[in-house]
N, C-alpha and C. Protein backbone atom coordinates (compact mmCIF):
# COMPACT_ATOMS: atom_id res chain seq x y z
N MET A 1 95.05 112.20 45.72
CA MET A 1 93.65 111.80 46.27
C MET A 1 92.75 112.93 46.64
N GLN A 2 91.53 112.85 46.44
CA GLN A 2 90.55 113.97 46.83
C GLN A 2 90.55 114.10 48.35
N THR A 3 90.47 115.31 48.79
CA THR A 3 90.31 115.48 50.23
C THR A 3 88.82 115.44 50.64
N TYR A 4 88.64 114.76 51.79
CA TYR A 4 87.45 114.60 52.44
C TYR A 4 87.46 115.12 53.76
N ASP A 5 86.06 115.62 54.15
CA ASP A 5 86.18 116.28 55.58
C ASP A 5 86.17 115.19 56.65
N ALA A 6 85.65 113.98 56.42
CA ALA A 6 85.62 113.05 57.27
C ALA A 6 86.25 111.69 56.87
N TRP A 7 86.74 110.91 57.67
CA TRP A 7 87.21 109.60 57.22
C TRP A 7 86.26 108.67 58.20
N LEU A 8 85.59 107.63 57.72
CA LEU A 8 84.78 106.79 58.53
C LEU A 8 85.42 105.52 58.32
N ILE A 9 85.86 104.86 59.46
CA ILE A 9 87.03 103.87 59.23
C ILE A 9 86.30 102.41 59.91
N ASP A 10 86.46 101.41 59.24
CA ASP A 10 86.11 100.00 59.67
C ASP A 10 87.28 99.53 60.80
N LEU A 11 87.07 98.79 61.67
CA LEU A 11 87.99 98.21 62.65
C LEU A 11 88.78 96.81 62.24
N ASP A 12 87.89 95.89 62.12
CA ASP A 12 88.51 94.33 62.09
C ASP A 12 89.06 94.30 60.61
N GLY A 13 90.18 93.97 60.66
CA GLY A 13 90.79 93.76 59.25
C GLY A 13 91.18 95.15 58.59
N THR A 14 90.83 96.20 59.17
CA THR A 14 91.29 97.50 58.56
C THR A 14 92.24 98.18 59.30
N LEU A 15 92.05 98.15 60.59
CA LEU A 15 93.23 98.85 61.46
C LEU A 15 94.41 97.83 61.83
N TYR A 16 94.01 96.59 61.62
CA TYR A 16 95.29 95.64 61.76
C TYR A 16 95.24 94.59 60.67
N PHE A 17 96.47 93.88 60.65
CA PHE A 17 96.42 92.92 59.58
C PHE A 17 95.76 91.54 60.11
N GLN A 18 94.72 91.11 59.68
CA GLN A 18 93.81 89.92 60.16
C GLN A 18 94.37 88.70 60.00
N LEU A 19 95.13 88.50 59.00
CA LEU A 19 95.43 86.98 58.69
C LEU A 19 96.37 86.43 59.77
N PRO A 20 97.50 87.31 60.20
CA PRO A 20 98.34 86.86 61.48
C PRO A 20 97.58 86.80 62.81
N VAL A 21 96.69 87.66 62.97
CA VAL A 21 96.02 87.70 64.15
C VAL A 21 94.97 86.58 64.03
N ARG A 22 94.39 86.19 63.01
CA ARG A 22 93.59 84.96 63.18
C ARG A 22 94.46 83.70 63.38
N ALA A 23 95.56 83.74 62.83
CA ALA A 23 96.62 82.41 62.97
C ALA A 23 96.94 82.15 64.46
N ALA A 24 97.52 83.48 65.13
CA ALA A 24 97.60 83.68 66.46
C ALA A 24 96.57 83.02 67.41
N MET A 25 95.26 83.55 66.96
CA MET A 25 94.12 83.14 67.69
C MET A 25 93.63 81.82 67.56
N ALA A 26 93.90 81.21 66.60
CA ALA A 26 93.91 79.81 66.12
C ALA A 26 94.79 78.90 67.03
N ALA A 27 95.90 79.37 67.08
CA ALA A 27 96.99 78.52 68.04
C ALA A 27 96.44 78.54 69.54
N GLU A 28 95.87 79.70 69.81
CA GLU A 28 95.56 79.85 71.29
C GLU A 28 94.14 79.15 71.35
N LEU A 29 93.36 79.01 70.54
CA LEU A 29 92.10 78.39 70.49
C LEU A 29 92.65 76.83 70.84
N VAL A 30 93.54 76.29 70.14
CA VAL A 30 93.78 74.79 70.18
C VAL A 30 94.41 74.61 71.62
N VAL A 31 95.35 75.54 72.08
CA VAL A 31 95.76 75.22 73.40
C VAL A 31 94.76 75.52 74.69
N ALA A 32 94.23 76.55 74.46
CA ALA A 32 93.42 77.00 75.64
C ALA A 32 91.88 77.17 75.59
N GLY A 33 91.40 77.15 74.25
CA GLY A 33 89.90 77.42 74.18
C GLY A 33 89.16 76.59 73.22
N TRP A 34 89.54 75.22 73.25
CA TRP A 34 88.83 74.40 72.48
C TRP A 34 87.21 74.27 72.72
N GLY A 35 87.01 74.31 73.93
CA GLY A 35 85.57 74.40 74.19
C GLY A 35 84.76 75.47 73.51
N ALA A 36 85.52 76.64 73.08
CA ALA A 36 84.80 77.80 72.51
C ALA A 36 84.62 77.69 71.12
N VAL A 37 85.44 76.83 70.57
CA VAL A 37 85.56 76.78 69.07
C VAL A 37 84.09 76.83 68.56
N ARG A 38 83.26 75.96 68.65
CA ARG A 38 82.01 75.55 68.11
C ARG A 38 80.99 76.90 68.45
N THR A 39 81.14 77.38 69.53
CA THR A 39 80.33 78.86 69.93
C THR A 39 80.80 79.79 68.77
N LEU A 40 82.07 80.00 68.69
CA LEU A 40 82.57 81.07 67.76
C LEU A 40 82.18 80.84 66.34
N ARG A 41 82.34 79.60 66.04
CA ARG A 41 81.88 79.36 64.33
C ARG A 41 80.31 79.65 64.37
N GLU A 42 79.66 79.18 65.22
CA GLU A 42 78.14 79.50 65.24
C GLU A 42 77.77 80.83 65.22
N PHE A 43 78.53 81.72 66.18
CA PHE A 43 78.33 83.22 66.13
C PHE A 43 78.58 83.89 64.92
N ARG A 44 79.73 83.32 64.23
CA ARG A 44 80.14 83.93 63.08
C ARG A 44 79.24 83.56 61.98
N ARG A 45 78.64 82.62 61.97
CA ARG A 45 77.67 82.14 61.11
C ARG A 45 76.41 82.79 61.11
N HIS A 46 75.94 83.21 62.17
CA HIS A 46 74.87 84.02 62.48
C HIS A 46 75.08 85.48 62.22
N HIS A 47 76.19 85.92 62.23
CA HIS A 47 76.72 87.31 61.83
C HIS A 47 76.55 87.32 60.39
N GLU A 48 76.88 86.33 59.49
CA GLU A 48 76.81 86.62 58.04
C GLU A 48 75.26 86.54 57.76
N LEU A 49 74.42 85.64 58.46
CA LEU A 49 73.09 85.43 58.10
C LEU A 49 72.39 86.79 58.47
N LEU A 50 72.76 87.48 59.50
CA LEU A 50 72.18 88.75 59.88
C LEU A 50 72.60 89.76 58.97
N ARG A 51 73.65 89.63 58.28
CA ARG A 51 74.34 90.64 57.28
C ARG A 51 73.31 90.50 56.04
N ARG A 52 73.03 89.25 55.58
CA ARG A 52 72.39 89.06 54.41
C ARG A 52 70.79 89.31 54.51
N ASN A 53 70.27 89.13 55.69
CA ASN A 53 68.77 88.94 56.06
C ASN A 53 68.58 89.68 57.32
N PRO A 54 68.76 91.10 57.24
CA PRO A 54 68.60 91.80 58.63
C PRO A 54 67.19 91.85 59.21
N PRO A 55 67.09 91.35 60.29
CA PRO A 55 65.73 91.37 61.13
C PRO A 55 65.42 92.82 61.61
N ASP A 56 64.35 92.90 62.18
CA ASP A 56 64.07 94.24 62.95
C ASP A 56 64.34 94.05 64.07
N THR A 57 65.48 94.54 64.58
CA THR A 57 66.01 94.39 65.95
C THR A 57 66.70 95.54 66.15
N LEU A 58 66.83 95.98 67.69
CA LEU A 58 67.49 97.08 68.17
C LEU A 58 68.90 97.08 68.19
N ASP A 59 69.34 95.65 68.15
CA ASP A 59 70.85 95.29 68.62
C ASP A 59 71.25 94.08 67.91
N PRO A 60 71.76 94.21 66.57
CA PRO A 60 72.18 92.95 65.90
C PRO A 60 73.04 92.10 66.87
N TYR A 61 73.93 92.54 67.54
CA TYR A 61 75.02 91.89 68.16
C TYR A 61 74.36 90.95 69.31
N ARG A 62 73.40 91.47 70.04
CA ARG A 62 72.66 90.64 71.20
C ARG A 62 71.84 89.56 70.25
N THR A 63 71.10 89.98 69.09
CA THR A 63 70.53 88.98 68.33
C THR A 63 71.41 87.89 68.02
N GLN A 64 72.74 88.04 67.55
CA GLN A 64 73.77 87.18 67.33
C GLN A 64 73.95 86.09 68.44
N LEU A 65 74.10 86.77 69.59
CA LEU A 65 74.24 85.91 70.79
C LEU A 65 73.11 85.07 71.05
N GLU A 66 71.98 85.74 71.18
CA GLU A 66 70.77 84.90 71.44
C GLU A 66 70.46 83.80 70.41
N ARG A 67 70.79 83.93 69.05
CA ARG A 67 70.53 82.88 68.14
C ARG A 67 71.74 81.87 68.19
N THR A 68 72.80 82.22 68.57
CA THR A 68 74.00 81.32 68.86
C THR A 68 73.77 80.34 70.02
N ALA A 69 73.21 81.09 71.07
CA ALA A 69 72.79 80.09 72.26
C ALA A 69 71.64 79.13 71.77
N GLU A 70 70.77 79.74 71.17
CA GLU A 70 69.48 78.95 70.96
C GLU A 70 69.90 77.76 69.97
N ALA A 71 70.76 77.95 69.10
CA ALA A 71 71.16 77.08 68.16
C ALA A 71 72.04 75.92 68.78
N LEU A 72 72.84 76.29 69.78
CA LEU A 72 73.69 75.49 70.37
C LEU A 72 73.00 74.66 71.64
N GLU A 73 71.98 75.42 72.11
CA GLU A 73 71.27 75.00 73.37
C GLU A 73 72.08 75.19 74.50
N HIS A 74 72.90 76.42 74.52
CA HIS A 74 73.69 76.79 75.48
C HIS A 74 72.96 78.08 76.34
N ASP A 75 73.43 78.29 77.52
CA ASP A 75 72.70 79.64 78.10
C ASP A 75 73.49 80.88 77.43
N LEU A 76 72.77 81.90 77.34
CA LEU A 76 73.21 83.19 76.81
C LEU A 76 74.60 83.77 77.42
N GLU A 77 74.51 83.62 78.60
CA GLU A 77 75.58 83.99 79.45
C GLU A 77 77.04 83.34 79.16
N THR A 78 76.80 81.92 78.92
CA THR A 78 78.04 81.22 78.56
C THR A 78 78.57 81.54 77.22
N VAL A 79 77.73 81.84 76.41
CA VAL A 79 77.92 82.23 74.85
C VAL A 79 78.54 83.74 74.92
N ALA A 80 77.79 84.42 75.68
CA ALA A 80 78.48 86.00 75.68
C ALA A 80 79.90 85.89 76.33
N GLU A 81 80.15 85.14 77.37
CA GLU A 81 81.35 85.00 77.98
C GLU A 81 82.51 84.40 76.91
N HIS A 82 82.16 83.34 76.16
CA HIS A 82 83.26 82.94 75.15
C HIS A 82 83.44 83.84 74.05
N VAL A 83 82.45 84.64 73.70
CA VAL A 83 82.49 85.68 72.54
C VAL A 83 83.40 86.65 73.02
N THR A 84 82.92 87.17 74.09
CA THR A 84 83.88 88.47 74.72
C THR A 84 85.30 88.07 74.89
N GLU A 85 85.78 86.98 75.58
CA GLU A 85 87.02 86.54 75.81
C GLU A 85 87.83 86.24 74.40
N TRP A 86 87.05 85.67 73.49
CA TRP A 86 87.88 85.09 72.45
C TRP A 86 87.89 86.13 71.24
N MET A 87 87.01 86.89 71.11
CA MET A 87 86.80 87.71 69.97
C MET A 87 87.26 89.25 70.32
N HIS A 88 87.03 89.68 71.67
CA HIS A 88 87.18 90.91 72.06
C HIS A 88 88.45 91.25 72.92
N VAL A 89 88.67 90.30 73.95
CA VAL A 89 89.73 90.50 74.80
C VAL A 89 91.03 89.87 74.40
N ARG A 90 90.91 88.46 74.15
CA ARG A 90 92.50 87.89 73.98
C ARG A 90 92.99 88.37 72.59
N PRO A 91 92.28 88.65 71.65
CA PRO A 91 93.01 89.20 70.28
C PRO A 91 93.87 90.57 70.65
N GLY A 92 93.65 91.15 71.81
CA GLY A 92 94.22 92.68 72.07
C GLY A 92 95.61 92.64 71.74
N ARG A 93 96.43 91.63 72.25
CA ARG A 93 97.89 91.78 72.35
C ARG A 93 98.34 91.54 70.74
N TRP A 94 97.38 90.70 70.03
CA TRP A 94 97.99 90.29 68.62
C TRP A 94 97.46 91.59 67.82
N ILE A 95 96.49 92.03 67.94
CA ILE A 95 96.09 93.36 67.01
C ILE A 95 96.97 94.45 67.16
N ARG A 96 97.37 94.59 68.31
CA ARG A 96 98.44 95.67 68.66
C ARG A 96 99.59 95.44 68.09
N LEU A 97 100.05 94.18 68.13
CA LEU A 97 101.32 93.81 67.16
C LEU A 97 101.17 93.81 65.88
N PHE A 98 100.13 93.56 65.21
CA PHE A 98 99.99 93.67 63.86
C PHE A 98 99.10 94.70 63.34
N ARG A 99 99.01 95.83 63.93
CA ARG A 99 98.67 96.87 63.39
C ARG A 99 98.86 97.64 62.29
N ARG A 100 98.20 98.11 61.55
CA ARG A 100 98.65 98.92 60.28
C ARG A 100 99.14 100.28 60.52
N ARG A 101 100.34 100.18 60.74
CA ARG A 101 101.20 101.64 61.19
C ARG A 101 100.91 102.70 60.29
N ALA A 102 101.06 102.45 59.02
CA ALA A 102 101.07 103.23 57.94
C ALA A 102 99.69 103.99 57.83
N LEU A 103 98.64 102.93 57.94
CA LEU A 103 97.28 103.62 57.86
C LEU A 103 97.01 104.53 59.12
N LEU A 104 97.52 104.10 60.24
CA LEU A 104 97.18 104.86 61.66
C LEU A 104 98.02 106.20 61.41
N ALA A 105 99.17 106.17 60.77
CA ALA A 105 99.77 107.53 60.64
C ALA A 105 98.99 108.51 59.55
N GLU A 106 98.43 107.91 58.69
CA GLU A 106 97.65 108.50 57.81
C GLU A 106 96.38 109.12 58.43
N ILE A 107 95.90 108.49 59.31
CA ILE A 107 94.56 109.03 60.04
C ILE A 107 95.18 109.93 60.96
N GLU A 108 96.38 110.01 61.62
CA GLU A 108 96.72 110.84 62.64
C GLU A 108 96.93 112.26 61.83
N GLU A 109 97.52 111.94 60.56
CA GLU A 109 97.81 113.20 59.82
C GLU A 109 96.61 113.97 59.26
N HIS A 110 95.39 113.20 59.13
CA HIS A 110 94.21 113.71 58.58
C HIS A 110 93.70 114.49 59.51
N ARG A 111 93.72 113.93 60.86
CA ARG A 111 93.11 114.57 62.05
C ARG A 111 94.06 116.00 62.40
N ASN A 112 95.27 115.74 62.32
CA ASN A 112 96.16 117.13 62.42
C ASN A 112 95.87 118.07 61.52
N GLY A 113 95.18 117.62 60.26
CA GLY A 113 95.04 118.61 59.15
C GLY A 113 93.66 119.24 59.55
N GLY A 114 92.97 118.83 60.42
CA GLY A 114 91.65 119.21 60.77
C GLY A 114 90.32 118.24 60.20
N GLY A 115 90.76 117.31 59.87
CA GLY A 115 89.83 116.26 59.41
C GLY A 115 88.91 115.71 60.51
N LYS A 116 88.01 115.15 60.32
CA LYS A 116 87.16 114.35 61.34
C LYS A 116 87.18 112.78 61.05
N THR A 117 87.04 112.13 62.14
CA THR A 117 86.99 110.74 61.91
C THR A 117 86.09 109.97 62.85
N ALA A 118 85.64 108.94 62.24
CA ALA A 118 84.77 108.00 62.83
C ALA A 118 85.03 106.46 62.91
N LEU A 119 84.93 105.71 63.81
CA LEU A 119 85.04 104.23 63.73
C LEU A 119 83.60 103.67 63.70
N VAL A 120 83.48 102.88 62.70
CA VAL A 120 82.40 102.15 62.55
C VAL A 120 82.49 100.75 62.33
N SER A 121 81.68 99.72 63.26
CA SER A 121 82.23 98.53 63.26
C SER A 121 80.68 97.83 63.58
N ASP A 122 80.78 96.58 63.11
CA ASP A 122 79.69 95.57 63.24
C ASP A 122 79.92 94.80 64.53
N TYR A 123 80.94 95.09 65.25
CA TYR A 123 81.24 94.36 66.69
C TYR A 123 81.48 95.59 67.61
N PRO A 124 81.33 95.04 68.79
CA PRO A 124 81.78 96.29 70.04
C PRO A 124 83.29 96.43 69.86
N ALA A 125 83.50 97.68 69.89
CA ALA A 125 84.84 98.12 69.35
C ALA A 125 85.74 98.57 70.69
N SER A 126 85.33 98.72 71.86
CA SER A 126 85.91 99.64 72.97
C SER A 126 87.18 98.92 73.51
N LYS A 127 87.15 97.51 73.60
CA LYS A 127 88.29 96.89 74.14
C LYS A 127 89.50 96.70 73.15
N LYS A 128 89.24 96.63 71.70
CA LYS A 128 90.16 96.55 70.80
C LYS A 128 90.71 97.99 70.39
N LEU A 129 90.02 99.21 70.56
CA LEU A 129 90.47 100.31 70.51
C LEU A 129 91.34 100.54 71.61
N ASP A 130 91.11 100.12 72.87
CA ASP A 130 92.00 100.40 74.17
C ASP A 130 93.46 99.57 73.83
N ALA A 131 93.32 98.26 73.13
CA ALA A 131 94.35 97.35 72.92
C ALA A 131 95.09 98.25 71.89
N LEU A 132 94.66 98.55 71.11
CA LEU A 132 95.47 99.38 69.81
C LEU A 132 95.96 100.72 70.32
N GLY A 133 95.43 101.35 71.44
CA GLY A 133 96.05 102.61 71.89
C GLY A 133 95.59 103.65 71.16
N ILE A 134 94.38 103.66 70.44
CA ILE A 134 93.90 104.73 69.47
C ILE A 134 92.59 105.20 69.56
N ARG A 135 92.09 105.13 70.96
CA ARG A 135 90.88 105.52 71.16
C ARG A 135 90.72 106.98 70.77
N SER A 136 91.74 107.61 70.96
CA SER A 136 91.69 109.22 70.99
C SER A 136 91.80 109.56 69.45
N PHE A 137 91.87 108.61 68.53
CA PHE A 137 92.05 108.73 67.04
C PHE A 137 90.63 109.13 66.49
N PHE A 138 89.69 108.75 67.17
CA PHE A 138 88.38 108.87 66.72
C PHE A 138 87.52 109.89 67.40
N ASP A 139 86.69 110.87 66.71
CA ASP A 139 85.61 111.69 67.22
C ASP A 139 84.32 111.00 67.62
N VAL A 140 84.00 109.89 66.98
CA VAL A 140 82.89 109.20 67.15
C VAL A 140 83.08 107.76 67.02
N VAL A 141 82.47 106.98 67.68
CA VAL A 141 82.59 105.50 67.51
C VAL A 141 81.10 105.02 67.55
N VAL A 142 80.86 104.41 66.28
CA VAL A 142 79.60 103.73 66.06
C VAL A 142 79.79 102.25 65.87
N ALA A 143 79.34 101.46 67.16
CA ALA A 143 79.58 100.03 66.87
C ALA A 143 78.54 99.31 67.46
N SER A 144 78.23 98.12 66.70
CA SER A 144 77.22 97.40 67.08
C SER A 144 77.55 96.62 68.42
N GLY A 145 76.34 96.51 69.33
CA GLY A 145 76.71 96.02 70.74
C GLY A 145 77.07 97.06 71.76
N GLU A 146 77.27 98.21 71.28
CA GLU A 146 77.51 99.33 72.19
C GLU A 146 76.50 100.48 72.08
N PRO A 147 76.29 101.31 72.93
CA PRO A 147 75.35 102.31 73.03
C PRO A 147 75.32 103.04 71.81
N ASN A 148 73.99 103.30 71.26
CA ASN A 148 73.94 104.25 69.88
C ASN A 148 74.48 103.43 68.82
N GLY A 149 74.63 102.23 68.73
CA GLY A 149 74.94 101.52 67.56
C GLY A 149 74.07 101.33 66.58
N PRO A 150 74.37 100.77 65.48
CA PRO A 150 73.55 100.67 64.33
C PRO A 150 72.57 99.53 64.40
N ARG A 151 71.60 99.65 63.91
CA ARG A 151 70.37 98.52 64.00
C ARG A 151 70.62 97.57 62.96
N ARG A 152 71.38 97.86 62.04
CA ARG A 152 71.65 97.01 60.81
C ARG A 152 73.21 96.82 60.52
N LEU A 153 73.49 95.49 60.18
CA LEU A 153 74.94 95.41 59.82
C LEU A 153 75.26 95.88 58.35
N LYS A 154 76.61 95.95 58.14
CA LYS A 154 77.10 96.32 56.72
C LYS A 154 76.72 95.25 55.81
N PRO A 155 76.43 95.35 54.64
CA PRO A 155 76.53 96.62 53.77
C PRO A 155 75.44 97.30 53.94
N ASN A 156 74.48 97.29 54.83
CA ASN A 156 73.57 98.43 55.05
C ASN A 156 74.21 99.64 55.59
N PRO A 157 73.89 100.95 55.02
CA PRO A 157 74.70 102.17 55.24
C PRO A 157 74.40 102.59 56.58
N GLU A 158 73.56 102.04 57.43
CA GLU A 158 73.23 102.87 58.60
C GLU A 158 74.38 103.39 59.51
N GLY A 159 75.18 102.48 59.64
CA GLY A 159 76.38 102.95 60.67
C GLY A 159 77.11 103.97 60.26
N TYR A 160 77.45 104.06 58.78
CA TYR A 160 78.17 105.08 58.33
C TYR A 160 77.21 106.36 58.22
N LEU A 161 76.12 106.11 58.05
CA LEU A 161 75.29 107.34 58.03
C LEU A 161 75.19 108.09 59.52
N LEU A 162 74.85 107.08 60.27
CA LEU A 162 75.02 107.58 61.79
C LEU A 162 76.14 108.47 62.18
N ALA A 163 77.52 107.85 61.68
CA ALA A 163 78.77 108.56 61.86
C ALA A 163 78.63 109.93 61.44
N ALA A 164 78.38 109.95 60.03
CA ALA A 164 78.42 111.38 59.39
C ALA A 164 77.44 112.25 60.02
N GLN A 165 76.34 111.83 60.52
CA GLN A 165 75.34 112.65 61.08
C GLN A 165 76.04 113.15 62.46
N ALA A 166 76.59 112.17 63.20
CA ALA A 166 77.22 112.70 64.54
C ALA A 166 78.48 113.72 64.31
N LEU A 167 79.12 113.58 63.15
CA LEU A 167 80.40 114.39 62.95
C LEU A 167 79.59 115.70 62.31
N SER A 168 78.42 115.79 61.86
CA SER A 168 77.87 116.74 60.99
C SER A 168 78.53 117.11 59.90
N VAL A 169 78.71 116.08 59.19
CA VAL A 169 79.37 116.06 57.79
C VAL A 169 78.40 115.46 56.72
N ASP A 170 78.33 116.05 55.48
CA ASP A 170 77.34 115.54 54.59
C ASP A 170 78.14 114.31 54.17
N PRO A 171 77.29 113.41 53.65
CA PRO A 171 77.79 112.09 53.26
C PRO A 171 78.72 112.21 51.96
N SER A 172 78.35 113.20 51.25
CA SER A 172 79.29 113.29 50.03
C SER A 172 80.64 113.77 50.37
N ARG A 173 80.66 114.06 51.55
CA ARG A 173 82.12 114.69 51.95
C ARG A 173 82.83 113.64 52.88
N CYS A 174 82.26 112.30 52.91
CA CYS A 174 82.81 111.32 53.74
C CYS A 174 83.60 110.35 52.89
N LEU A 175 84.75 109.70 53.31
CA LEU A 175 85.46 108.69 52.83
C LEU A 175 85.47 107.58 53.79
N VAL A 176 85.00 106.28 53.26
CA VAL A 176 84.80 105.11 54.07
C VAL A 176 86.15 104.20 53.71
N ILE A 177 86.79 103.72 54.59
CA ILE A 177 88.02 103.00 54.68
C ILE A 177 87.62 101.61 55.11
N GLY A 178 87.90 100.73 54.56
CA GLY A 178 87.54 99.40 54.98
C GLY A 178 88.27 98.09 54.20
N ASP A 179 88.22 97.02 54.83
CA ASP A 179 88.98 95.76 54.14
C ASP A 179 87.86 94.90 53.23
N ARG A 180 86.62 95.19 53.34
CA ARG A 180 85.63 94.26 52.65
C ARG A 180 85.03 95.04 51.51
N GLU A 181 85.12 94.67 50.23
CA GLU A 181 84.35 95.40 49.31
C GLU A 181 82.88 95.14 49.30
N ASP A 182 82.52 93.88 49.82
CA ASP A 182 80.93 93.71 50.04
C ASP A 182 80.47 94.36 51.06
N ALA A 183 81.04 94.52 52.13
CA ALA A 183 80.49 95.02 53.41
C ALA A 183 80.61 96.49 53.37
N ASP A 184 81.71 96.71 53.54
CA ASP A 184 82.26 98.37 53.62
C ASP A 184 82.07 98.96 52.45
N GLY A 185 82.50 98.34 51.29
CA GLY A 185 82.22 99.12 49.92
C GLY A 185 80.74 99.23 49.49
N GLY A 186 79.88 98.22 50.00
CA GLY A 186 78.54 98.29 49.46
C GLY A 186 77.82 99.12 50.54
N ALA A 187 78.35 99.15 51.57
CA ALA A 187 77.61 100.25 52.72
C ALA A 187 78.10 101.91 52.24
N ALA A 188 79.16 101.90 51.71
CA ALA A 188 79.67 103.24 51.47
C ALA A 188 78.83 103.81 49.97
N ARG A 189 78.88 102.69 49.20
CA ARG A 189 77.91 103.24 47.94
C ARG A 189 76.53 103.32 48.29
N ALA A 190 75.78 102.69 49.18
CA ALA A 190 74.53 102.70 49.47
C ALA A 190 74.46 104.10 50.10
N ALA A 191 75.44 104.68 50.92
CA ALA A 191 75.36 106.01 51.61
C ALA A 191 75.72 107.24 50.88
N ARG A 192 76.31 106.97 49.51
CA ARG A 192 76.81 107.65 48.52
C ARG A 192 78.09 108.26 49.10
N MET A 193 78.90 107.58 49.46
CA MET A 193 80.18 108.01 49.98
C MET A 193 81.26 107.37 49.32
N ALA A 194 82.36 108.09 49.19
CA ALA A 194 83.48 107.34 48.62
C ALA A 194 84.01 106.18 49.50
N PHE A 195 84.88 105.40 48.75
CA PHE A 195 85.25 104.15 49.42
C PHE A 195 86.84 103.99 49.09
N ARG A 196 87.60 103.38 49.88
CA ARG A 196 88.85 103.12 49.83
C ARG A 196 89.24 101.70 50.62
N LEU A 197 89.69 100.78 49.58
CA LEU A 197 89.79 99.27 50.32
C LEU A 197 91.28 99.31 50.55
N VAL A 198 91.46 98.56 51.86
CA VAL A 198 92.67 98.43 52.26
C VAL A 198 92.99 96.94 52.19
N GLY A 199 93.96 96.34 51.77
CA GLY A 199 94.34 94.80 51.47
C GLY A 199 95.60 94.27 52.40
């Protein structure tokens, strides 16, 4: 495989196996979080809407929260609490259990060989990186809902271009690694970067 100076890596579904995590979280929701299900469904719906029709916004993550609150006629604080607990905090133990060990070993080897790395996510990443115990694997984190995050969701290339700029690496020397051909792959192609799909 061709060598690249920087690997720009997606988080959800890329650094861990998503299906068993979703199954575990669905079971938890049935037992302890039934009241949050409608909020999470609406939040995800607005995520896909923002992906397809990006508004002019400084923070797409906050826009998702606001639109979800408006659609459900809930207060913003309650929506944010549900999303934080069920999408960022509670999945922590499951994503650690189902992390992609082989890919993480490759990332570590790339870094040990002098390669640069960035995490690029359409969601806040800090809590999941801590749960995975791999924050030190990344030179740069570009995540929606966190400081200096992108203003557009994938497949817009902004997040990956911001990461390349922060790493001082030309886009042509970057490899994007992600689990979605439409989102990660589309963003990589728009940024003129190579793409590797993980399944």
